[in-house]
Amino acid sequence: MTKSIVISGPPAVGKTTVAKGLAKEFDLKYLSGGDVLKEMAKEHGFNSGGDDWWDTEDGMKFLNQREKNPEFDKKLDEKLSELFNQGSMVITSYTLPWLVKDGIKIWLEGSRISSSKRMQNRDNMSSEDAFEITKKRFDKNKALYKKLYNFDFGDDKSVFDVIINTDNLSATQVIDVTTETVRKLL
């Protein structure tokens, strides 16, 4: 059994791109914690389709619901923890690095400006909207996880095996750096 890998970091930092690259490189199964959460949203009447759904008004409404009802996140994290512990997975998750003991934990970081540019290009929106959305999502998630699990998302990086700053790196370069790092830790 191969160790599982979890990729975390702020919104629009490149987690999905890196996770998919690692899954392909090491023949692991890829799973997005956000996609699983979107499926849960769909079960509760949200139209949660599309990669940019989190950045929509509906996505923000669901985030507000999650703030009031932590059951969504707790169920998600239980499911992701089980899958992670089975091994041979690459999972993107905001919370999992603090909730599991083993595996490889990678934090991708970058400036809010870089994340905003990435979101602006990915989701075809203005730079102002992208900046506001990345800030709002980060701040709301940080508060939610502090309340739910009492860790400081974005500040407490002590659980990570490696921290990679994605500013000034192309997606390919970030995947290359991450791949080499994982090769040493597997």
C-alpha atoms as a PDB file:
ATOM      1  CA  MET A   1       0.000   0.000   0.000  1.00  0.00           C
ATOM      2  CA  THR A   2       1.276   3.448  -0.945  1.00  0.00           C
ATOM      3  CA  LYS A   3       0.911   6.335   1.495  1.00  0.00           C
ATOM      4  CA  SER A   4      -1.859   8.779   0.750  1.00  0.00           C
ATOM      5  CA  ILE A   5      -1.077  12.426   0.014  1.00  0.00           C
ATOM      6  CA  VAL A   6      -3.149  15.427   1.069  1.00  0.00           C
ATOM      7  CA  ILE A   7      -2.770  18.834  -0.565  1.00  0.00           C
ATOM      8  CA  SER A   8      -4.020  21.884   1.298  1.00  0.00           C
ATOM      9  CA  GLY A   9      -3.716  25.635   0.975  1.00  0.00           C
ATOM     10  CA  PRO A  10      -5.813  28.750   0.420  1.00  0.00           C
ATOM     11  CA  PRO A  11      -8.420  29.067  -2.354  1.00  0.00           C
ATOM     12  CA  ALA A  12      -7.107  29.190  -5.952  1.00  0.00           C
ATOM     13  CA  VAL A  13      -3.491  28.328  -5.076  1.00  0.00           C
ATOM     14  CA  GLY A  14      -3.291  25.334  -7.449  1.00  0.00           C
ATOM     15  CA  LYS A  15      -4.265  22.404  -5.205  1.00  0.00           C
ATOM     16  CA  THR A  16      -6.340  20.573  -7.813  1.00  0.00           C
ATOM     17  CA  THR A  17      -3.741  20.953 -10.555  1.00  0.00           C
ATOM     18  CA  VAL A  18      -0.970  19.624  -8.300  1.00  0.00           C
ATOM     19  CA  ALA A  19      -3.107  16.805  -6.892  1.00  0.00           C
ATOM     20  CA  LYS A  20      -4.095  15.593 -10.357  1.00  0.00           C
ATOM     21  CA  GLY A  21      -0.455  15.767 -11.473  1.00  0.00           C
ATOM     22  CA  LEU A  22       0.689  13.693  -8.474  1.00  0.00           C
ATOM     23  CA  ALA A  23      -2.106  11.159  -8.938  1.00  0.00           C
ATOM     24  CA  LYS A  24      -1.043  10.639 -12.537  1.00  0.00           C
ATOM     25  CA  GLU A  25       2.687  10.502 -11.752  1.00  0.00           C
ATOM     26  CA  PHE A  26       2.378   7.974  -8.916  1.00  0.00           C
ATOM     27  CA  ASP A  27      -0.689   6.073 -10.196  1.00  0.00           C
ATOM     28  CA  LEU A  28      -2.830   7.102  -7.227  1.00  0.00           C
ATOM     29  CA  LYS A  29      -6.544   7.845  -7.056  1.00  0.00           C
ATOM     30  CA  TYR A  30      -7.427  11.571  -7.009  1.00  0.00           C
ATOM     31  CA  LEU A  31     -10.281  12.931  -4.898  1.00  0.00           C
ATOM     32  CA  SER A  32     -11.321  16.531  -4.302  1.00  0.00           C
ATOM     33  CA  GLY A  33     -12.757  17.231  -0.859  1.00  0.00           C
ATOM     34  CA  GLY A  34     -14.524  20.200  -2.432  1.00  0.00           C
ATOM     35  CA  ASP A  35     -16.209  17.973  -5.038  1.00  0.00           C
ATOM     36  CA  VAL A  36     -17.492  15.644  -2.328  1.00  0.00           C
ATOM     37  CA  LEU A  37     -18.825  18.674  -0.446  1.00  0.00           C
ATOM     38  CA  LYS A  38     -20.498  19.911  -3.663  1.00  0.00           C
ATOM     39  CA  GLU A  39     -22.258  16.522  -3.939  1.00  0.00           C
ATOM     40  CA  MET A  40     -23.519  17.013  -0.390  1.00  0.00           C
ATOM     41  CA  ALA A  41     -24.743  20.497  -1.368  1.00  0.00           C
ATOM     42  CA  LYS A  42     -26.586  18.990  -4.333  1.00  0.00           C
ATOM     43  CA  GLU A  43     -28.331  16.558  -1.956  1.00  0.00           C
ATOM     44  CA  HIS A  44     -29.591  19.631  -0.068  1.00  0.00           C
ATOM     45  CA  GLY A  45     -31.081  21.344  -3.124  1.00  0.00           C
ATOM     46  CA  PHE A  46     -28.147  23.415  -4.371  1.00  0.00           C
ATOM     47  CA  ASN A  47     -27.274  23.461  -8.063  1.00  0.00           C
ATOM     48  CA  SER A  48     -23.584  22.884  -7.378  1.00  0.00           C
ATOM     49  CA  GLY A  49     -22.290  22.158 -10.864  1.00  0.00           C
ATOM     50  CA  GLY A  50     -19.184  23.668 -12.416  1.00  0.00           C
ATOM     51  CA  ASP A  51     -15.636  24.206 -11.223  1.00  0.00           C
ATOM     52  CA  ASP A  52     -16.312  27.796 -10.192  1.00  0.00           C
ATOM     53  CA  TRP A  53     -19.465  27.025  -8.159  1.00  0.00           C
ATOM     54  CA  TRP A  54     -17.785  27.938  -4.850  1.00  0.00           C
ATOM     55  CA  ASP A  55     -17.283  31.453  -6.180  1.00  0.00           C
ATOM     56  CA  THR A  56     -20.957  31.990  -6.993  1.00  0.00           C
ATOM     57  CA  GLU A  57     -23.704  33.465  -4.823  1.00  0.00           C
ATOM     58  CA  ASP A  58     -25.119  29.951  -4.360  1.00  0.00           C
ATOM     59  CA  GLY A  59     -21.709  28.625  -3.290  1.00  0.00           C
ATOM     60  CA  MET A  60     -21.428  31.402  -0.710  1.00  0.00           C
ATOM     61  CA  LYS A  61     -24.943  30.588   0.566  1.00  0.00           C
ATOM     62  CA  PHE A  62     -23.847  27.013   1.109  1.00  0.00           C
ATOM     63  CA  LEU A  63     -20.740  28.224   2.933  1.00  0.00           C
ATOM     64  CA  ASN A  64     -23.022  30.309   5.194  1.00  0.00           C
ATOM     65  CA  GLN A  65     -25.158  27.199   5.841  1.00  0.00           C
ATOM     66  CA  ARG A  66     -22.036  25.246   6.756  1.00  0.00           C
ATOM     67  CA  GLU A  67     -21.149  27.935   9.289  1.00  0.00           C
ATOM     68  CA  LYS A  68     -24.508  27.351  10.990  1.00  0.00           C
ATOM     69  CA  ASN A  69     -24.507  23.546  10.648  1.00  0.00           C
ATOM     70  CA  PRO A  70     -21.129  21.837  11.068  1.00  0.00           C
ATOM     71  CA  GLU A  71     -22.571  18.411  10.172  1.00  0.00           C
ATOM     72  CA  PHE A  72     -21.706  18.910   6.482  1.00  0.00           C
ATOM     73  CA  ASP A  73     -18.034  19.351   7.267  1.00  0.00           C
ATOM     74  CA  LYS A  74     -17.892  16.665   9.941  1.00  0.00           C
ATOM     75  CA  LYS A  75     -19.437  14.057   7.619  1.00  0.00           C
ATOM     76  CA  LEU A  76     -17.121  15.089   4.800  1.00  0.00           C
ATOM     77  CA  ASP A  77     -14.033  14.918   6.997  1.00  0.00           C
ATOM     78  CA  GLU A  78     -14.977  11.484   8.378  1.00  0.00           C
ATOM     79  CA  LYS A  79     -15.393  10.153   4.844  1.00  0.00           C
ATOM     80  CA  LEU A  80     -12.136  11.738   3.596  1.00  0.00           C
ATOM     81  CA  SER A  81     -10.215  10.434   6.635  1.00  0.00           C
ATOM     82  CA  GLU A  82     -11.415   6.872   5.965  1.00  0.00           C
ATOM     83  CA  LEU A  83     -10.395   7.055   2.302  1.00  0.00           C
ATOM     84  CA  PHE A  84      -7.059   8.688   3.135  1.00  0.00           C
ATOM     85  CA  ASN A  85      -6.215   5.982   5.675  1.00  0.00           C
ATOM     86  CA  GLN A  86      -6.815   3.252   3.070  1.00  0.00           C
ATOM     87  CA  GLY A  87      -3.770   4.575   1.197  1.00  0.00           C
ATOM     88  CA  SER A  88      -2.988   5.202  -2.472  1.00  0.00           C
ATOM     89  CA  MET A  89      -4.989   8.459  -2.613  1.00  0.00           C
ATOM     90  CA  VAL A  90      -4.263  12.085  -3.421  1.00  0.00           C
ATOM     91  CA  ILE A  91      -6.885  14.256  -1.743  1.00  0.00           C
ATOM     92  CA  THR A  92      -7.353  18.013  -1.756  1.00  0.00           C
ATOM     93  CA  SER A  93      -8.762  19.202   1.554  1.00  0.00           C
ATOM     94  CA  TYR A  94      -8.635  22.259   3.765  1.00  0.00           C
ATOM     95  CA  THR A  95      -8.965  20.238   6.996  1.00  0.00           C
ATOM     96  CA  LEU A  96      -7.562  16.744   6.481  1.00  0.00           C
ATOM     97  CA  PRO A  97      -3.908  17.542   7.292  1.00  0.00           C
ATOM     98  CA  TRP A  98      -4.905  18.356  10.875  1.00  0.00           C
ATOM     99  CA  LEU A  99      -7.203  15.317  11.205  1.00  0.00           C
ATOM    100  CA  VAL A 100      -5.025  12.408   9.995  1.00  0.00           C
ATOM    101  CA  LYS A 101      -1.781  11.075  11.427  1.00  0.00           C
ATOM    102  CA  ASP A 102       0.029   9.374   8.553  1.00  0.00           C
ATOM    103  CA  GLY A 103       0.609  10.017   4.872  1.00  0.00           C
ATOM    104  CA  ILE A 104       2.247  12.979   3.189  1.00  0.00           C
ATOM    105  CA  LYS A 105       0.901  16.444   3.903  1.00  0.00           C
ATOM    106  CA  ILE A 106       1.682  19.305   1.519  1.00  0.00           C
ATOM    107  CA  TRP A 107       0.766  22.974   1.986  1.00  0.00           C
ATOM    108  CA  LEU A 108       0.708  25.130  -1.135  1.00  0.00           C
ATOM    109  CA  GLU A 109       0.916  28.803  -0.383  1.00  0.00           C
ATOM    110  CA  GLY A 110       0.903  31.932  -2.429  1.00  0.00           C
ATOM    111  CA  SER A 111      -0.021  35.564  -2.190  1.00  0.00           C
ATOM    112  CA  ARG A 112      -3.664  36.547  -2.397  1.00  0.00           C
ATOM    113  CA  ILE A 113      -2.750  38.506  -5.541  1.00  0.00           C
ATOM    114  CA  SER A 114      -1.408  35.349  -7.258  1.00  0.00           C
ATOM    115  CA  SER A 115      -4.465  33.361  -6.173  1.00  0.00           C
ATOM    116  CA  SER A 116      -6.742  36.131  -7.416  1.00  0.00           C
ATOM    117  CA  LYS A 117      -5.009  36.132 -10.825  1.00  0.00           C
ATOM    118  CA  ARG A 118      -5.355  32.354 -11.023  1.00  0.00           C
ATOM    119  CA  MET A 119      -9.064  32.568 -10.155  1.00  0.00           C
ATOM    120  CA  GLN A 120      -9.574  35.496 -12.533  1.00  0.00           C
ATOM    121  CA  ASN A 121      -8.141  33.494 -15.444  1.00  0.00           C
ATOM    122  CA  ARG A 122      -9.745  30.190 -14.448  1.00  0.00           C
ATOM    123  CA  ASP A 123     -13.229  31.554 -13.778  1.00  0.00           C
ATOM    124  CA  ASN A 124     -13.228  34.492 -16.215  1.00  0.00           C
ATOM    125  CA  MET A 125     -13.962  37.252 -13.679  1.00  0.00           C
ATOM    126  CA  SER A 126     -12.623  40.692 -12.842  1.00  0.00           C
ATOM    127  CA  SER A 127      -9.497  41.005 -10.708  1.00  0.00           C
ATOM    128  CA  GLU A 128     -11.487  42.889  -8.052  1.00  0.00           C
ATOM    129  CA  ASP A 129     -14.128  40.146  -7.816  1.00  0.00           C
ATOM    130  CA  ALA A 130     -11.477  37.422  -7.717  1.00  0.00           C
ATOM    131  CA  PHE A 131      -9.567  39.224  -4.947  1.00  0.00           C
ATOM    132  CA  GLU A 132     -12.728  39.710  -2.856  1.00  0.00           C
ATOM    133  CA  ILE A 133     -13.881  36.115  -3.332  1.00  0.00           C
ATOM    134  CA  THR A 134     -10.518  34.568  -2.419  1.00  0.00           C
ATOM    135  CA  LYS A 135     -10.346  36.763   0.696  1.00  0.00           C
ATOM    136  CA  LYS A 136     -13.930  36.037   1.727  1.00  0.00           C
ATOM    137  CA  ARG A 137     -13.602  32.270   1.185  1.00  0.00           C
ATOM    138  CA  PHE A 138     -10.304  32.121   3.060  1.00  0.00           C
ATOM    139  CA  ASP A 139     -11.578  34.169   6.007  1.00  0.00           C
ATOM    140  CA  LYS A 140     -14.891  32.286   6.288  1.00  0.00           C
ATOM    141  CA  ASN A 141     -13.214  28.874   6.052  1.00  0.00           C
ATOM    142  CA  LYS A 142     -10.559  29.886   8.567  1.00  0.00           C
ATOM    143  CA  ALA A 143     -13.258  30.944  11.074  1.00  0.00           C
ATOM    144  CA  LEU A 144     -15.289  27.790  10.399  1.00  0.00           C
ATOM    145  CA  TYR A 145     -12.360  25.421  11.000  1.00  0.00           C
ATOM    146  CA  LYS A 146     -11.268  27.295  14.131  1.00  0.00           C
ATOM    147  CA  LYS A 147     -14.784  26.877  15.518  1.00  0.00           C
ATOM    148  CA  LEU A 148     -15.130  23.269  14.356  1.00  0.00           C
ATOM    149  CA  TYR A 149     -11.666  21.825  15.095  1.00  0.00           C
ATOM    150  CA  ASN A 150      -9.755  24.602  16.885  1.00  0.00           C
ATOM    151  CA  PHE A 151      -6.872  24.875  14.423  1.00  0.00           C
ATOM    152  CA  ASP A 152      -5.641  27.997  12.679  1.00  0.00           C
ATOM    153  CA  PHE A 153      -6.035  27.348   8.955  1.00  0.00           C
ATOM    154  CA  GLY A 154      -3.314  29.182   7.082  1.00  0.00           C
ATOM    155  CA  ASP A 155      -1.326  30.015  10.217  1.00  0.00           C
ATOM    156  CA  ASP A 156      -0.576  26.654  11.864  1.00  0.00           C
ATOM    157  CA  LYS A 157       1.531  24.823   9.305  1.00  0.00           C
ATOM    158  CA  SER A 158       3.263  22.560  11.847  1.00  0.00           C
ATOM    159  CA  VAL A 159       1.402  19.454  10.564  1.00  0.00           C
ATOM    160  CA  PHE A 160       2.866  19.676   7.046  1.00  0.00           C
ATOM    161  CA  ASP A 161       5.783  17.675   5.677  1.00  0.00           C
ATOM    162  CA  VAL A 162       6.483  20.325   3.073  1.00  0.00           C
ATOM    163  CA  ILE A 163       5.406  23.886   2.269  1.00  0.00           C
ATOM    164  CA  ILE A 164       5.706  25.108  -1.316  1.00  0.00           C
ATOM    165  CA  ASN A 165       5.281  28.732  -2.314  1.00  0.00           C
ATOM    166  CA  THR A 166       3.596  28.800  -5.731  1.00  0.00           C
ATOM    167  CA  ASP A 167       4.241  32.488  -6.439  1.00  0.00           C
ATOM    168  CA  ASN A 168       6.493  32.925  -9.474  1.00  0.00           C
ATOM    169  CA  LEU A 169       6.155  29.256 -10.465  1.00  0.00           C
ATOM    170  CA  SER A 170       4.174  27.872 -13.380  1.00  0.00           C
ATOM    171  CA  ALA A 171       1.767  25.002 -12.745  1.00  0.00           C
ATOM    172  CA  THR A 172       4.286  22.640 -14.350  1.00  0.00           C
ATOM    173  CA  GLN A 173       7.056  23.878 -12.083  1.00  0.00           C
ATOM    174  CA  VAL A 174       4.897  23.436  -8.965  1.00  0.00           C
ATOM    175  CA  ILE A 175       4.028  19.876 -10.051  1.00  0.00           C
ATOM    176  CA  ASP A 176       7.730  19.141 -10.707  1.00  0.00           C
ATOM    177  CA  VAL A 177       8.817  20.444  -7.292  1.00  0.00           C
ATOM    178  CA  THR A 178       5.993  18.573  -5.547  1.00  0.00           C
ATOM    179  CA  THR A 179       6.733  15.358  -7.454  1.00  0.00           C
ATOM    180  CA  GLU A 180      10.399  15.407  -6.440  1.00  0.00           C
ATOM    181  CA  THR A 181       9.433  16.090  -2.831  1.00  0.00           C
ATOM    182  CA  VAL A 182       6.914  13.225  -2.761  1.00  0.00           C
ATOM    183  CA  ARG A 183       9.408  10.845  -4.371  1.00  0.00           C
ATOM    184  CA  LYS A 184      11.695  11.377  -1.356  1.00  0.00           C
ATOM    185  CA  LEU A 185       8.873  10.865   1.166  1.00  0.00           C
ATOM    186  CA  LEU A 186       7.135   7.801  -0.316  1.00  0.00           C
END
